[in-house]
Amino acid sequence: MEERTELNILGEFGLIHRIASQQQFSHARTVKGIGDDAAVSKGNTDYQLVSTELMVEGVHFDLSYVPLKHLGYKLIVAGISDILAMNGLPTQVTVSIALSNRFSVEAVDELYAGILTACEDYEVELVGGDTTTSRSGLVLSVTALGTVEKDQIAYRRGASVNDIICVSGDLGGAYLGLQILEREKQVFLEAPESQPILAGHEYVLQRQLKPEARLDIIKQLRELNIVPTSMIDVSDGLASELRHLAAESGLGVRIFEEQIPIHQKAYLAATELKLGPFTAALNGGEDYELLFTIRQEDYQKILDQTTDISFIGFISADPTEALLITKQNEAIPLTAQGWEKQGE
């Protein structure tokens, strides 16, 4: 009998590594393939970037509480965030959809209204895609294209010992917004006449339903003449992304609990939900913030000129080290979660 290995044995990251290990690149234009936020190809004077994101109904979104316009917007944000995570600038997107006959023309219009709004906000153009039939739910795919100067590109690898770990914005809000929506869905299923209680949670709900890609951070870094030594976007949770950066550079990471940026509204939501705000920040995902490392000499530039970047730790020499230092000065191992968290 042929041996069968279950996908949850590998998990998301193991599966990606397995696929990547079977691929060899020989085309003269290929610079970087599987394993980073975007693939990299040689252009005439710069690098061309391309990345693809897939969203599946029932896995990545629930249309019982996600408006189609918001979903379209979020799809584009997810795609171009990968381009930004290479320190690049997005230029174009293609969108492919598979849908069943339960969707009307007006529903598709609403989805594309969100897509086109995001394209306008981030100065990218929708230049193509594909449509087909789905016998189950809605399936969406976005391919984002962009460019980056050869001396400006930032990979997941590249960090050095004592580089400072930075993150934009705040973390955990998207996950907590999702928990609020799931809670209200369950209440509705049990009592359809009830009204959702969402007041006071507008911030975390927006973080989940209409996140923003951090094009502004890339522009700030360029104005400061700072090229991150490594970079990734926070889509799978801070802990997972930190372990990616560490593994790719063959080094370790230490971060400090008291430095992790969490919005006051996220604290309030976590308290109401009886969840740990730091757990949400470390393992929640979908924040689409930028996590990156900088050289020591660039620290003061950011400190003096920006207000939405936090310094949360540093790169250490020990490649086996991935630690969170608590407020009580305890060292706790960072455990990557990723898609196996919800795929089992």
Protein backbone atom coordinates (compact mmCIF):
# COMPACT_ATOMS: atom_id res chain seq x y z
CA MET A 1 0.00 0.00 0.00
CA GLU A 2 1.33 3.42 -0.94
CA GLU A 3 2.48 5.45 2.06
CA ARG A 4 0.32 8.48 2.88
CA THR A 5 1.54 11.50 4.83
CA GLU A 6 -1.12 13.79 6.25
CA LEU A 7 -0.68 17.49 5.46
CA ASN A 8 -0.93 18.48 9.12
CA ILE A 9 2.25 16.51 9.80
CA LEU A 10 4.17 19.05 7.70
CA GLY A 11 2.09 22.14 8.38
CA GLU A 12 2.10 25.18 6.12
CA PHE A 13 5.76 26.06 6.43
CA GLY A 14 6.93 22.46 6.07
CA LEU A 15 4.83 22.03 2.94
CA ILE A 16 6.26 25.20 1.38
CA HIS A 17 9.79 24.04 2.19
CA ARG A 18 9.06 20.63 0.66
CA ILE A 19 7.78 22.17 -2.58
CA ALA A 20 10.72 24.61 -2.73
CA SER A 21 13.27 21.82 -2.23
CA GLN A 22 12.06 20.12 -5.41
CA GLN A 23 12.60 23.22 -7.54
CA GLN A 24 15.83 24.31 -9.20
CA PHE A 25 16.17 27.61 -10.99
CA SER A 26 18.17 28.00 -14.18
CA HIS A 27 16.54 30.91 -16.01
CA ALA A 28 18.91 33.84 -16.30
CA ARG A 29 16.30 36.32 -15.06
CA THR A 30 15.33 34.43 -11.89
CA VAL A 31 16.90 35.95 -8.77
CA LYS A 32 14.72 34.52 -6.00
CA GLY A 33 12.00 31.90 -6.16
CA ILE A 34 9.90 30.19 -3.51
CA GLY A 35 10.61 31.09 0.10
CA ASP A 36 10.25 34.86 0.41
CA ASP A 37 7.32 37.28 0.34
CA ALA A 38 7.67 37.70 -3.43
CA ALA A 39 9.57 36.14 -6.29
CA VAL A 40 12.33 38.31 -7.75
CA SER A 41 13.35 38.60 -11.41
CA LYS A 42 15.93 40.78 -13.12
CA GLY A 43 14.61 43.82 -14.94
CA ASN A 44 16.58 46.21 -17.12
CA THR A 45 17.72 48.46 -14.27
CA ASP A 46 15.80 47.09 -11.28
CA TYR A 47 14.19 43.95 -9.92
CA GLN A 48 10.68 42.85 -10.82
CA LEU A 49 8.58 41.45 -7.96
CA VAL A 50 5.59 39.10 -8.13
CA SER A 51 3.52 37.52 -5.39
CA THR A 52 0.23 35.58 -5.24
CA GLU A 53 -2.33 35.32 -2.43
CA LEU A 54 -5.29 32.95 -2.29
CA MET A 55 -8.45 33.42 -0.20
CA VAL A 56 -11.06 30.67 0.17
CA GLU A 57 -14.53 31.09 1.63
CA GLY A 58 -14.92 29.18 4.86
CA VAL A 59 -11.16 29.16 5.43
CA HIS A 60 -10.03 32.79 5.09
CA PHE A 61 -13.34 34.63 5.29
CA ASP A 62 -16.97 34.17 6.30
CA LEU A 63 -19.52 36.06 4.21
CA SER A 64 -22.04 36.00 7.04
CA TYR A 65 -20.19 38.96 8.51
CA VAL A 66 -17.61 40.07 5.91
CA PRO A 67 -19.03 42.64 3.43
CA LEU A 68 -17.99 41.91 -0.14
CA LYS A 69 -16.60 45.42 -0.61
CA HIS A 70 -14.35 44.99 2.42
CA LEU A 71 -13.30 41.57 1.19
CA GLY A 72 -12.22 43.01 -2.16
CA TYR A 73 -10.23 45.72 -0.44
CA LYS A 74 -8.55 43.23 1.89
CA LEU A 75 -7.61 40.98 -1.02
CA ILE A 76 -5.59 43.76 -2.63
CA VAL A 77 -3.98 44.72 0.68
CA ALA A 78 -2.87 41.11 1.22
CA GLY A 79 -1.30 41.03 -2.24
CA ILE A 80 0.57 44.31 -2.22
CA SER A 81 1.74 43.83 1.38
CA ASP A 82 4.03 41.09 0.07
CA ILE A 83 5.56 43.52 -2.43
CA LEU A 84 6.11 46.06 0.35
CA ALA A 85 7.77 43.35 2.45
CA MET A 86 10.52 43.20 -0.18
CA ASN A 87 10.97 46.98 0.25
CA GLY A 88 9.37 47.35 -3.17
CA LEU A 89 6.64 49.51 -4.63
CA PRO A 90 3.52 47.79 -6.02
CA THR A 91 2.47 48.72 -9.54
CA GLN A 92 -0.16 46.29 -10.84
CA VAL A 93 -2.45 43.46 -9.75
CA THR A 94 -4.43 40.71 -11.43
CA VAL A 95 -7.46 39.19 -9.72
CA SER A 96 -9.02 35.78 -10.36
CA ILE A 97 -12.34 34.65 -8.92
CA ALA A 98 -14.29 31.39 -8.79
CA LEU A 99 -17.94 31.81 -7.83
CA SER A 100 -21.23 29.93 -7.83
CA ASN A 101 -24.65 31.01 -9.08
CA ARG A 102 -25.64 32.16 -5.59
CA PHE A 103 -23.74 35.37 -6.39
CA SER A 104 -25.52 38.05 -8.40
CA VAL A 105 -24.01 40.54 -10.79
CA GLU A 106 -24.58 43.20 -8.13
CA ALA A 107 -22.62 41.13 -5.61
CA VAL A 108 -19.67 40.89 -8.00
CA ASP A 109 -19.91 44.64 -8.57
CA GLU A 110 -19.68 45.16 -4.81
CA LEU A 111 -16.60 42.92 -4.56
CA TYR A 112 -14.87 44.80 -7.36
CA ALA A 113 -15.82 48.16 -5.86
CA GLY A 114 -13.61 47.22 -2.92
CA ILE A 115 -10.86 45.95 -5.20
CA LEU A 116 -10.83 49.14 -7.24
CA THR A 117 -10.94 51.37 -4.16
CA ALA A 118 -7.84 49.65 -2.81
CA CYS A 119 -6.14 49.96 -6.19
CA GLU A 120 -6.82 53.68 -6.16
CA ASP A 121 -5.64 54.09 -2.56
CA TYR A 122 -2.34 52.31 -3.23
CA GLU A 123 -1.78 53.61 -6.75
CA VAL A 124 -1.82 50.22 -8.44
CA GLU A 125 -3.72 49.16 -11.53
CA LEU A 126 -5.94 46.13 -12.04
CA VAL A 127 -4.66 44.75 -15.33
CA GLY A 128 -6.19 41.29 -15.66
CA GLY A 129 -7.25 38.03 -14.08
CA ASP A 130 -9.60 35.13 -14.68
CA THR A 131 -13.12 34.03 -13.76
CA THR A 132 -14.54 30.54 -13.44
CA THR A 133 -17.30 28.56 -11.75
CA SER A 134 -17.11 27.22 -8.22
CA ARG A 135 -19.38 24.43 -6.96
CA SER A 136 -18.69 25.31 -3.35
CA GLY A 137 -17.83 28.77 -2.06
CA LEU A 138 -16.14 31.90 -3.31
CA VAL A 139 -12.43 31.61 -4.14
CA LEU A 140 -10.27 34.68 -4.75
CA SER A 141 -6.70 35.04 -5.94
CA VAL A 142 -4.59 38.15 -6.37
CA THR A 143 -1.23 38.39 -8.08
CA ALA A 144 0.65 41.55 -7.20
CA LEU A 145 3.45 43.00 -9.31
CA GLY A 146 6.00 45.58 -8.28
CA THR A 147 9.53 46.88 -8.62
CA VAL A 148 12.48 47.63 -6.39
CA GLU A 149 15.91 49.07 -7.08
CA LYS A 150 18.62 46.43 -6.87
CA ASP A 151 20.35 48.16 -3.98
CA GLN A 152 17.07 48.65 -2.09
CA ILE A 153 15.70 45.12 -1.98
CA ALA A 154 15.10 43.48 1.42
CA TYR A 155 14.80 39.71 1.75
CA ARG A 156 13.80 37.63 4.74
CA ARG A 157 17.48 36.76 5.04
CA GLY A 158 20.19 39.32 5.60
CA ALA A 159 20.03 40.22 9.29
CA SER A 160 23.24 40.39 11.33
CA VAL A 161 23.95 39.92 15.02
CA ASN A 162 22.76 42.91 17.09
CA ASP A 163 20.53 44.27 14.33
CA ILE A 164 17.47 45.92 15.87
CA ILE A 165 14.08 44.32 15.28
CA CYS A 166 11.35 46.80 14.31
CA VAL A 167 7.65 46.52 13.61
CA SER A 168 5.22 49.06 12.21
CA GLY A 169 1.85 49.95 13.70
CA ASP A 170 0.29 47.71 16.34
CA LEU A 171 -0.43 44.00 16.54
CA GLY A 172 -3.22 41.65 17.54
CA GLY A 173 -6.12 43.88 16.56
CA ALA A 174 -7.11 41.89 13.47
CA TYR A 175 -7.32 38.63 15.40
CA LEU A 176 -9.36 40.22 18.18
CA GLY A 177 -11.70 41.78 15.63
CA LEU A 178 -12.24 38.31 14.18
CA GLN A 179 -13.07 36.92 17.62
CA ILE A 180 -15.66 39.67 18.15
CA LEU A 181 -17.30 38.84 14.81
CA GLU A 182 -17.27 35.11 15.53
CA ARG A 183 -18.80 35.70 18.95
CA GLU A 184 -21.63 37.75 17.52
CA LYS A 185 -22.23 35.18 14.78
CA GLN A 186 -22.71 32.47 17.40
CA VAL A 187 -25.12 34.67 19.34
CA PHE A 188 -27.11 35.27 16.16
CA LEU A 189 -27.26 31.56 15.33
CA GLU A 190 -28.66 30.84 18.77
CA ALA A 191 -31.01 33.85 18.81
CA PRO A 192 -31.66 35.20 15.27
CA GLU A 193 -33.77 38.06 16.60
CA SER A 194 -30.81 39.50 18.52
CA GLN A 195 -28.74 42.45 17.30
CA PRO A 196 -24.92 42.26 17.21
CA ILE A 197 -23.09 44.13 19.95
CA LEU A 198 -20.23 45.82 18.12
CA ALA A 199 -20.15 49.30 19.67
CA GLY A 200 -16.77 50.18 21.12
CA HIS A 201 -14.96 47.66 18.93
CA GLU A 202 -14.74 49.70 15.75
CA TYR A 203 -10.94 49.77 15.81
CA VAL A 204 -10.34 46.02 15.99
CA LEU A 205 -13.19 45.35 13.56
CA GLN A 206 -11.57 47.63 11.01
CA ARG A 207 -8.23 45.92 11.57
CA GLN A 208 -9.90 42.64 10.60
CA LEU A 209 -12.29 43.75 7.86
CA LYS A 210 -10.34 46.57 6.21
CA PRO A 211 -6.63 46.36 7.04
CA GLU A 212 -4.13 48.75 5.53
CA ALA A 213 -0.89 47.92 3.73
CA ARG A 214 2.07 49.97 5.01
CA LEU A 215 3.15 51.77 1.87
CA ASP A 216 3.74 54.80 4.08
CA ILE A 217 6.43 52.96 6.05
CA ILE A 218 8.31 52.00 2.87
CA LYS A 219 8.22 55.63 1.76
CA GLN A 220 9.45 56.81 5.17
CA LEU A 221 12.38 54.39 5.12
CA ARG A 222 13.35 55.60 1.67
CA GLU A 223 13.22 59.22 2.77
CA LEU A 224 15.54 58.30 5.66
CA ASN A 225 17.85 56.39 3.30
CA ILE A 226 17.39 53.20 5.33
CA VAL A 227 17.39 49.77 3.69
CA PRO A 228 16.20 47.07 6.13
CA THR A 229 18.64 44.22 6.52
CA SER A 230 15.70 41.79 6.45
CA MET A 231 11.93 42.18 6.18
CA ILE A 232 8.62 40.29 6.17
CA ASP A 233 4.97 41.25 6.56
CA VAL A 234 2.96 40.12 9.59
CA SER A 235 0.26 37.91 8.10
CA ASP A 236 0.73 34.75 10.20
CA GLY A 237 1.45 36.32 13.58
CA LEU A 238 4.53 37.96 15.04
CA ALA A 239 6.05 34.75 16.45
CA SER A 240 5.94 32.94 13.11
CA GLU A 241 7.38 35.88 11.21
CA LEU A 242 10.20 36.35 13.71
CA ARG A 243 11.17 32.71 13.37
CA HIS A 244 11.17 33.10 9.57
CA LEU A 245 13.62 36.02 9.76
CA ALA A 246 15.82 34.19 12.25
CA ALA A 247 15.89 30.94 10.27
CA GLU A 248 16.61 32.64 6.95
CA SER A 249 19.55 34.54 8.46
CA GLY A 250 20.80 31.55 10.49
CA LEU A 251 20.57 33.59 13.69
CA GLY A 252 18.37 33.98 16.76
CA VAL A 253 15.92 36.59 18.02
CA ARG A 254 15.09 38.14 21.36
CA ILE A 255 12.08 40.38 21.77
CA PHE A 256 10.68 42.14 24.83
CA GLU A 257 7.05 41.85 25.88
CA GLU A 258 6.86 45.44 27.08
CA GLN A 259 7.97 46.69 23.64
CA ILE A 260 5.31 44.88 21.59
CA PRO A 261 2.89 47.55 20.27
CA ILE A 262 -0.72 46.80 21.17
CA HIS A 263 -3.48 49.38 20.72
CA GLN A 264 -5.53 50.35 23.77
CA LYS A 265 -8.70 49.26 21.95
CA ALA A 266 -7.13 45.84 21.43
CA TYR A 267 -6.43 45.59 25.17
CA LEU A 268 -10.07 46.37 25.88
CA ALA A 269 -11.32 43.82 23.35
CA ALA A 270 -8.98 41.16 24.72
CA THR A 271 -10.19 41.81 28.27
CA GLU A 272 -13.82 41.46 27.21
CA LEU A 273 -13.05 38.25 25.31
CA LYS A 274 -10.93 36.90 28.18
CA LEU A 275 -7.98 36.52 25.83
CA GLY A 276 -4.36 37.52 26.29
CA PRO A 277 -3.52 40.59 24.18
CA PHE A 278 0.08 39.44 23.79
CA THR A 279 -1.08 36.01 22.66
CA ALA A 280 -3.20 37.74 20.00
CA ALA A 281 -0.21 39.82 18.90
CA LEU A 282 2.16 36.87 18.76
CA ASN A 283 -0.09 34.32 17.10
CA GLY A 284 -3.12 36.10 15.62
CA GLY A 285 -1.98 37.21 12.17
CA GLU A 286 -3.60 39.33 9.44
CA ASP A 287 -2.23 42.60 10.81
CA TYR A 288 -0.28 43.22 7.58
CA GLU A 289 2.26 45.32 9.44
CA LEU A 290 5.93 45.25 8.43
CA LEU A 291 8.48 43.43 10.57
CA PHE A 292 12.08 44.28 9.73
CA THR A 293 15.61 44.60 11.05
CA ILE A 294 17.93 47.60 10.84
CA ARG A 295 21.56 48.28 11.60
CA GLN A 296 22.42 49.90 14.91
CA GLU A 297 23.48 53.10 13.16
CA ASP A 298 19.99 53.55 11.69
CA TYR A 299 18.26 53.49 15.06
CA GLN A 300 18.51 57.21 15.76
CA LYS A 301 17.23 58.15 12.29
CA ILE A 302 13.98 56.28 12.90
CA LEU A 303 13.71 57.46 16.50
CA ASP A 304 13.98 61.09 15.42
CA GLN A 305 11.75 61.01 12.35
CA THR A 306 8.97 58.43 12.71
CA THR A 307 6.25 57.72 15.24
CA ASP A 308 4.69 54.48 13.99
CA ILE A 309 7.67 52.14 14.24
CA SER A 310 8.46 50.23 17.44
CA PHE A 311 11.79 48.70 18.44
CA ILE A 312 10.91 45.33 19.94
CA GLY A 313 14.19 43.40 20.24
CA PHE A 314 17.41 42.38 18.57
CA ILE A 315 19.05 39.64 16.53
CA SER A 316 21.20 37.27 18.60
CA ALA A 317 24.09 35.04 17.60
CA ASP A 318 22.55 31.74 18.76
CA PRO A 319 20.48 30.26 15.88
CA THR A 320 18.56 28.08 18.32
CA GLU A 321 17.36 31.09 20.28
CA ALA A 322 13.88 32.53 19.69
CA LEU A 323 12.83 34.14 22.94
CA LEU A 324 10.25 36.49 24.40
CA ILE A 325 11.52 38.31 27.48
CA THR A 326 8.53 38.99 29.72
CA LYS A 327 7.98 41.99 31.96
CA GLN A 328 9.11 39.74 34.82
CA ASN A 329 12.39 39.09 32.92
CA GLU A 330 11.49 35.47 32.14
CA ALA A 331 12.66 34.03 28.83
CA ILE A 332 9.85 32.16 27.02
CA PRO A 333 10.38 30.31 23.71
CA LEU A 334 8.53 31.77 20.72
CA THR A 335 6.51 29.05 19.02
CA ALA A 336 5.48 29.52 15.40
CA GLN A 337 1.82 28.82 14.70
CA GLY A 338 0.92 29.45 11.06
CA TRP A 339 -1.76 27.67 9.11
CA GLU A 340 -1.61 24.42 11.03
CA LYS A 341 -3.18 26.42 13.87
CA GLN A 342 -6.51 26.47 12.02
CA GLY A 343 -5.99 23.68 9.54
CA GLU A 344 -6.14 20.76 11.92
